[in-house]
């Protein structure tokens, strides 16, 4: 039940290390993914969300500052690689985008999900 958890709102899933290229500009590495944007929005609404995600140790710094500022409690589980999405916008408008995944983090396991339960 939610009352036994530290947060009643949990975001579970992969966050993405996006690489965005707009027109002829050089690629920019930015945080992304539905879990990232949803948790940050919930945190800014003071919902005290908890995030359970998988991201490589080397990529955590891309997310930590914004999650912390938004008041999110984050558990980063180990993975062999982070999810990385490459987005190419041929022009400055976002009407057209070409997207592919450069890598996908390891899947979640039953043990990962059980980490959400109180001790």
N, C-alpha and C. Protein backbone atom coordinates (compact mmCIF):
# COMPACT_ATOMS: atom_id res chain seq x y z
N UNK A 1 0.82 -1.20 0.00
CA UNK A 1 0.00 0.00 0.00
C UNK A 1 0.86 1.26 0.00
N UNK A 2 0.40 2.32 -0.62
CA UNK A 2 1.19 3.54 -0.70
C UNK A 2 1.61 4.10 0.65
N UNK A 3 0.83 3.91 1.68
CA UNK A 3 1.16 4.52 2.97
C UNK A 3 2.43 3.94 3.57
N UNK A 4 2.87 2.75 3.12
CA UNK A 4 4.10 2.16 3.66
C UNK A 4 5.33 2.54 2.85
N UNK A 5 5.13 3.22 1.75
CA UNK A 5 6.25 3.63 0.89
C UNK A 5 6.64 5.06 1.23
N UNK A 6 7.89 5.39 0.91
CA UNK A 6 8.34 6.75 1.18
C UNK A 6 7.69 7.76 0.24
N UNK A 7 7.14 7.30 -0.87
CA UNK A 7 6.45 8.16 -1.80
C UNK A 7 5.28 7.39 -2.38
N UNK A 8 4.17 8.05 -2.58
CA UNK A 8 3.03 7.37 -3.18
C UNK A 8 3.05 7.48 -4.70
N UNK A 9 4.01 8.21 -5.23
CA UNK A 9 4.12 8.37 -6.67
C UNK A 9 5.49 7.87 -7.11
N UNK A 10 5.50 6.79 -7.90
CA UNK A 10 6.75 6.18 -8.33
C UNK A 10 6.81 6.18 -9.85
N UNK A 11 7.94 6.61 -10.38
CA UNK A 11 8.19 6.55 -11.82
C UNK A 11 9.21 5.44 -12.04
N UNK A 12 8.82 4.44 -12.79
CA UNK A 12 9.66 3.27 -13.04
C UNK A 12 9.91 3.16 -14.53
N UNK A 13 11.17 3.19 -14.92
CA UNK A 13 11.49 3.04 -16.33
C UNK A 13 12.83 3.65 -16.66
N UNK A 14 13.16 3.54 -17.92
CA UNK A 14 14.45 4.05 -18.38
C UNK A 14 14.38 5.55 -18.66
N UNK A 15 15.44 6.23 -18.27
CA UNK A 15 15.63 7.62 -18.68
C UNK A 15 16.61 7.59 -19.83
N UNK A 16 16.67 8.64 -20.60
CA UNK A 16 17.45 8.61 -21.83
C UNK A 16 18.51 9.70 -21.88
N UNK A 17 19.68 9.31 -22.32
CA UNK A 17 20.76 10.26 -22.60
C UNK A 17 20.59 10.64 -24.07
N UNK A 18 19.78 11.66 -24.33
CA UNK A 18 19.49 12.06 -25.71
C UNK A 18 20.67 12.79 -26.32
N UNK A 19 20.85 12.57 -27.60
CA UNK A 19 21.81 13.32 -28.39
C UNK A 19 21.00 14.00 -29.48
N UNK A 20 20.84 15.33 -29.36
CA UNK A 20 19.99 16.09 -30.26
C UNK A 20 20.83 16.92 -31.23
N UNK A 21 20.50 16.80 -32.51
CA UNK A 21 21.17 17.58 -33.54
C UNK A 21 20.10 18.39 -34.27
N UNK A 22 20.27 19.70 -34.28
CA UNK A 22 19.31 20.59 -34.93
C UNK A 22 20.01 21.28 -36.10
N UNK A 23 19.49 21.03 -37.30
CA UNK A 23 20.09 21.61 -38.50
C UNK A 23 21.56 21.25 -38.62
N UNK A 24 22.39 22.26 -38.83
CA UNK A 24 23.83 22.05 -38.97
C UNK A 24 24.59 22.26 -37.67
N UNK A 25 23.88 22.48 -36.58
CA UNK A 25 24.53 22.68 -35.29
C UNK A 25 25.17 21.38 -34.80
N UNK A 26 26.19 21.48 -33.96
CA UNK A 26 26.79 20.26 -33.42
C UNK A 26 25.82 19.53 -32.49
N UNK A 27 25.94 18.23 -32.35
CA UNK A 27 25.07 17.48 -31.45
C UNK A 27 25.19 17.95 -30.00
N UNK A 28 24.07 17.93 -29.28
CA UNK A 28 24.03 18.33 -27.87
C UNK A 28 23.48 17.16 -27.07
N UNK A 29 24.16 16.83 -25.99
CA UNK A 29 23.74 15.73 -25.12
C UNK A 29 22.82 16.31 -24.04
N UNK A 30 21.60 15.76 -23.93
CA UNK A 30 20.60 16.28 -23.00
C UNK A 30 19.84 15.12 -22.35
N UNK A 31 19.31 15.35 -21.13
CA UNK A 31 18.47 14.32 -20.51
C UNK A 31 17.14 14.22 -21.23
N UNK A 32 16.54 13.03 -21.19
CA UNK A 32 15.25 12.86 -21.84
C UNK A 32 14.54 11.62 -21.37
N UNK A 33 13.39 11.39 -21.95
CA UNK A 33 12.58 10.22 -21.65
C UNK A 33 11.38 10.58 -20.80
N UNK A 34 10.32 9.80 -20.95
CA UNK A 34 9.08 10.05 -20.23
C UNK A 34 9.22 10.00 -18.72
N UNK A 35 10.02 9.06 -18.22
CA UNK A 35 10.22 8.96 -16.78
C UNK A 35 10.90 10.23 -16.26
N UNK A 36 11.90 10.71 -16.98
CA UNK A 36 12.61 11.92 -16.57
C UNK A 36 11.65 13.12 -16.53
N UNK A 37 10.95 13.36 -17.64
CA UNK A 37 10.09 14.54 -17.70
C UNK A 37 8.90 14.44 -16.74
N UNK A 38 8.32 13.25 -16.61
CA UNK A 38 7.20 13.07 -15.70
C UNK A 38 7.59 13.28 -14.25
N UNK A 39 8.72 12.70 -13.85
CA UNK A 39 9.17 12.83 -12.46
C UNK A 39 9.54 14.27 -12.11
N UNK A 40 10.21 14.95 -13.03
CA UNK A 40 10.59 16.35 -12.78
C UNK A 40 9.34 17.22 -12.65
N UNK A 41 8.37 17.01 -13.52
CA UNK A 41 7.12 17.78 -13.42
C UNK A 41 6.42 17.50 -12.09
N UNK A 42 6.34 16.23 -11.70
CA UNK A 42 5.70 15.87 -10.43
C UNK A 42 6.45 16.47 -9.25
N UNK A 43 7.76 16.46 -9.33
CA UNK A 43 8.57 17.05 -8.25
C UNK A 43 8.34 18.54 -8.12
N UNK A 44 8.24 19.21 -9.24
CA UNK A 44 8.02 20.67 -9.21
C UNK A 44 6.62 21.01 -8.71
N UNK A 45 5.73 20.03 -8.76
CA UNK A 45 4.39 20.20 -8.18
C UNK A 45 4.36 19.74 -6.72
N UNK A 46 5.53 19.47 -6.17
CA UNK A 46 5.72 19.06 -4.78
C UNK A 46 5.06 17.72 -4.44
N UNK A 47 5.07 16.80 -5.41
CA UNK A 47 4.48 15.48 -5.20
C UNK A 47 5.48 14.49 -4.59
N UNK A 48 6.71 14.92 -4.37
CA UNK A 48 7.76 14.07 -3.79
C UNK A 48 7.89 12.71 -4.49
N UNK A 49 8.09 12.71 -5.80
CA UNK A 49 8.14 11.45 -6.53
C UNK A 49 9.42 10.66 -6.27
N UNK A 50 9.28 9.37 -6.43
CA UNK A 50 10.42 8.47 -6.38
C UNK A 50 10.65 7.93 -7.79
N UNK A 51 11.92 7.80 -8.18
CA UNK A 51 12.28 7.30 -9.50
C UNK A 51 13.12 6.04 -9.32
N UNK A 52 12.76 5.00 -10.04
CA UNK A 52 13.58 3.80 -10.11
C UNK A 52 13.94 3.61 -11.57
N UNK A 53 15.23 3.70 -11.87
CA UNK A 53 15.67 3.67 -13.25
C UNK A 53 17.00 2.94 -13.37
N UNK A 54 17.39 2.68 -14.59
CA UNK A 54 18.70 2.08 -14.86
C UNK A 54 19.46 3.04 -15.77
N UNK A 55 20.63 3.41 -15.29
CA UNK A 55 21.51 4.27 -16.10
C UNK A 55 22.94 3.94 -15.70
N UNK A 56 23.83 4.01 -16.65
CA UNK A 56 25.24 3.74 -16.41
C UNK A 56 25.81 4.78 -15.45
N UNK A 57 26.73 4.36 -14.58
CA UNK A 57 27.34 5.29 -13.61
C UNK A 57 27.87 6.55 -14.26
N UNK A 58 28.49 6.41 -15.40
CA UNK A 58 29.11 7.56 -16.08
C UNK A 58 28.08 8.58 -16.55
N UNK A 59 26.82 8.19 -16.69
CA UNK A 59 25.78 9.09 -17.21
C UNK A 59 24.89 9.71 -16.13
N UNK A 60 25.04 9.30 -14.88
CA UNK A 60 24.15 9.79 -13.82
C UNK A 60 24.20 11.31 -13.67
N UNK A 61 25.35 11.90 -13.86
CA UNK A 61 25.49 13.34 -13.66
C UNK A 61 24.62 14.15 -14.61
N UNK A 62 24.23 13.56 -15.74
CA UNK A 62 23.36 14.25 -16.69
C UNK A 62 21.98 14.53 -16.08
N UNK A 63 21.57 13.72 -15.11
CA UNK A 63 20.23 13.78 -14.54
C UNK A 63 20.17 14.29 -13.11
N UNK A 64 21.21 14.08 -12.35
CA UNK A 64 21.18 14.28 -10.90
C UNK A 64 20.78 15.69 -10.49
N UNK A 65 21.36 16.70 -11.10
CA UNK A 65 21.08 18.09 -10.70
C UNK A 65 19.59 18.42 -10.83
N UNK A 66 19.01 18.10 -11.98
CA UNK A 66 17.60 18.44 -12.20
C UNK A 66 16.69 17.63 -11.29
N UNK A 67 16.98 16.34 -11.14
CA UNK A 67 16.18 15.51 -10.22
C UNK A 67 16.24 16.07 -8.80
N UNK A 68 17.42 16.43 -8.35
CA UNK A 68 17.60 16.95 -6.99
C UNK A 68 16.85 18.27 -6.83
N UNK A 69 17.01 19.18 -7.77
CA UNK A 69 16.33 20.47 -7.70
C UNK A 69 14.81 20.32 -7.69
N UNK A 70 14.30 19.29 -8.36
CA UNK A 70 12.85 19.08 -8.43
C UNK A 70 12.32 18.33 -7.21
N UNK A 71 13.21 17.84 -6.35
CA UNK A 71 12.76 17.14 -5.15
C UNK A 71 12.46 15.67 -5.37
N UNK A 72 13.07 15.08 -6.38
CA UNK A 72 12.87 13.66 -6.68
C UNK A 72 13.85 12.81 -5.87
N UNK A 73 13.39 11.67 -5.41
CA UNK A 73 14.26 10.66 -4.80
C UNK A 73 14.53 9.63 -5.88
N UNK A 74 15.80 9.44 -6.22
CA UNK A 74 16.15 8.59 -7.36
C UNK A 74 17.01 7.41 -6.92
N UNK A 75 16.65 6.24 -7.42
CA UNK A 75 17.48 5.06 -7.27
C UNK A 75 17.96 4.68 -8.66
N UNK A 76 19.28 4.76 -8.86
CA UNK A 76 19.90 4.36 -10.12
C UNK A 76 20.37 2.92 -9.97
N UNK A 77 19.78 2.01 -10.72
CA UNK A 77 20.22 0.63 -10.69
C UNK A 77 21.30 0.42 -11.75
N UNK A 78 22.21 -0.53 -11.51
CA UNK A 78 23.30 -0.74 -12.46
C UNK A 78 22.81 -1.31 -13.78
N UNK A 79 23.50 -0.97 -14.83
CA UNK A 79 23.21 -1.46 -16.18
C UNK A 79 24.49 -1.42 -16.99
N UNK A 80 24.58 -2.27 -17.98
CA UNK A 80 25.79 -2.31 -18.81
C UNK A 80 25.91 -1.07 -19.69
N UNK A 81 24.78 -0.47 -20.05
CA UNK A 81 24.80 0.77 -20.83
C UNK A 81 23.51 1.53 -20.53
N UNK A 82 23.53 2.82 -20.79
CA UNK A 82 22.33 3.65 -20.62
C UNK A 82 21.52 3.65 -21.91
N UNK A 83 20.24 3.96 -21.78
CA UNK A 83 19.44 4.19 -22.98
C UNK A 83 19.87 5.51 -23.58
N UNK A 84 20.11 5.50 -24.87
CA UNK A 84 20.52 6.73 -25.56
C UNK A 84 19.74 6.85 -26.86
N UNK A 85 19.08 7.97 -27.00
CA UNK A 85 18.24 8.23 -28.17
C UNK A 85 18.88 9.35 -28.98
N UNK A 86 19.04 9.13 -30.27
CA UNK A 86 19.59 10.16 -31.16
C UNK A 86 18.43 10.78 -31.94
N UNK A 87 18.30 12.09 -31.81
CA UNK A 87 17.25 12.84 -32.50
C UNK A 87 17.89 13.83 -33.46
N UNK A 88 17.52 13.75 -34.72
CA UNK A 88 18.04 14.68 -35.72
C UNK A 88 16.86 15.49 -36.24
N UNK A 89 16.94 16.80 -36.01
CA UNK A 89 15.94 17.75 -36.50
C UNK A 89 16.57 18.47 -37.69
N UNK A 90 16.09 18.21 -38.91
CA UNK A 90 16.71 18.82 -40.09
C UNK A 90 16.71 20.35 -40.07
N UNK A 91 15.75 20.95 -39.35
CA UNK A 91 15.70 22.41 -39.26
C UNK A 91 15.38 22.81 -37.83
N UNK A 92 15.35 24.10 -37.58
CA UNK A 92 15.11 24.60 -36.23
C UNK A 92 13.68 24.34 -35.74
N UNK A 93 12.76 24.00 -36.64
CA UNK A 93 11.41 23.67 -36.20
C UNK A 93 11.38 22.20 -35.80
N UNK A 94 10.53 21.86 -34.86
CA UNK A 94 10.47 20.48 -34.40
C UNK A 94 9.37 19.69 -35.11
N UNK A 95 8.94 20.19 -36.28
CA UNK A 95 7.87 19.51 -37.02
C UNK A 95 8.33 18.17 -37.59
N UNK A 96 9.61 18.02 -37.81
CA UNK A 96 10.13 16.79 -38.39
C UNK A 96 11.34 16.33 -37.58
N UNK A 97 11.36 15.04 -37.28
CA UNK A 97 12.47 14.50 -36.49
C UNK A 97 12.76 13.09 -36.97
N UNK A 98 14.05 12.77 -37.06
CA UNK A 98 14.49 11.41 -37.34
C UNK A 98 15.10 10.90 -36.05
N UNK A 99 14.63 9.74 -35.58
CA UNK A 99 15.04 9.25 -34.27
C UNK A 99 15.48 7.79 -34.37
N UNK A 100 16.53 7.48 -33.62
CA UNK A 100 16.92 6.07 -33.45
C UNK A 100 17.59 5.90 -32.10
N UNK A 101 17.58 4.67 -31.62
CA UNK A 101 18.22 4.37 -30.34
C UNK A 101 19.64 3.89 -30.58
N UNK A 102 20.58 4.54 -29.95
CA UNK A 102 21.98 4.13 -30.04
C UNK A 102 22.25 2.98 -29.07
N UNK A 103 21.52 2.97 -27.94
CA UNK A 103 21.67 1.90 -26.95
C UNK A 103 20.43 1.86 -26.06
N UNK A 104 20.21 0.70 -25.45
CA UNK A 104 19.08 0.51 -24.55
C UNK A 104 19.59 -0.15 -23.28
N UNK A 105 19.24 0.43 -22.15
CA UNK A 105 19.67 -0.09 -20.84
C UNK A 105 19.09 -1.49 -20.62
N UNK A 106 19.70 -2.20 -19.67
CA UNK A 106 19.25 -3.55 -19.33
C UNK A 106 17.80 -3.54 -18.87
N UNK A 107 17.07 -4.62 -19.11
CA UNK A 107 15.67 -4.68 -18.65
C UNK A 107 15.59 -4.76 -17.13
N UNK A 108 14.43 -4.41 -16.62
CA UNK A 108 14.18 -4.51 -15.18
C UNK A 108 13.86 -5.97 -14.83
N UNK A 109 14.24 -6.36 -13.64
CA UNK A 109 13.99 -7.72 -13.17
C UNK A 109 13.02 -7.68 -11.99
N UNK A 110 12.57 -8.83 -11.60
CA UNK A 110 11.69 -8.92 -10.43
C UNK A 110 12.39 -8.36 -9.18
N UNK A 111 13.68 -8.68 -9.02
CA UNK A 111 14.44 -8.15 -7.88
C UNK A 111 14.48 -6.63 -7.90
N UNK A 112 14.61 -6.04 -9.10
CA UNK A 112 14.61 -4.58 -9.21
C UNK A 112 13.30 -4.01 -8.68
N UNK A 113 12.20 -4.63 -9.05
CA UNK A 113 10.88 -4.14 -8.64
C UNK A 113 10.67 -4.34 -7.14
N UNK A 114 11.20 -5.41 -6.60
CA UNK A 114 11.04 -5.65 -5.17
C UNK A 114 11.80 -4.61 -4.34
N UNK A 115 12.77 -3.93 -4.95
CA UNK A 115 13.48 -2.89 -4.22
C UNK A 115 12.57 -1.71 -3.89
N UNK A 116 11.42 -1.64 -4.53
CA UNK A 116 10.45 -0.57 -4.23
C UNK A 116 9.70 -0.83 -2.93
N UNK A 117 9.68 -2.07 -2.51
CA UNK A 117 8.92 -2.42 -1.30
C UNK A 117 9.66 -2.00 -0.04
N UNK A 118 8.94 -1.66 1.00
CA UNK A 118 9.60 -1.29 2.25
C UNK A 118 10.34 -2.48 2.85
N UNK A 119 11.41 -2.18 3.58
CA UNK A 119 12.22 -3.26 4.18
C UNK A 119 11.48 -3.95 5.30
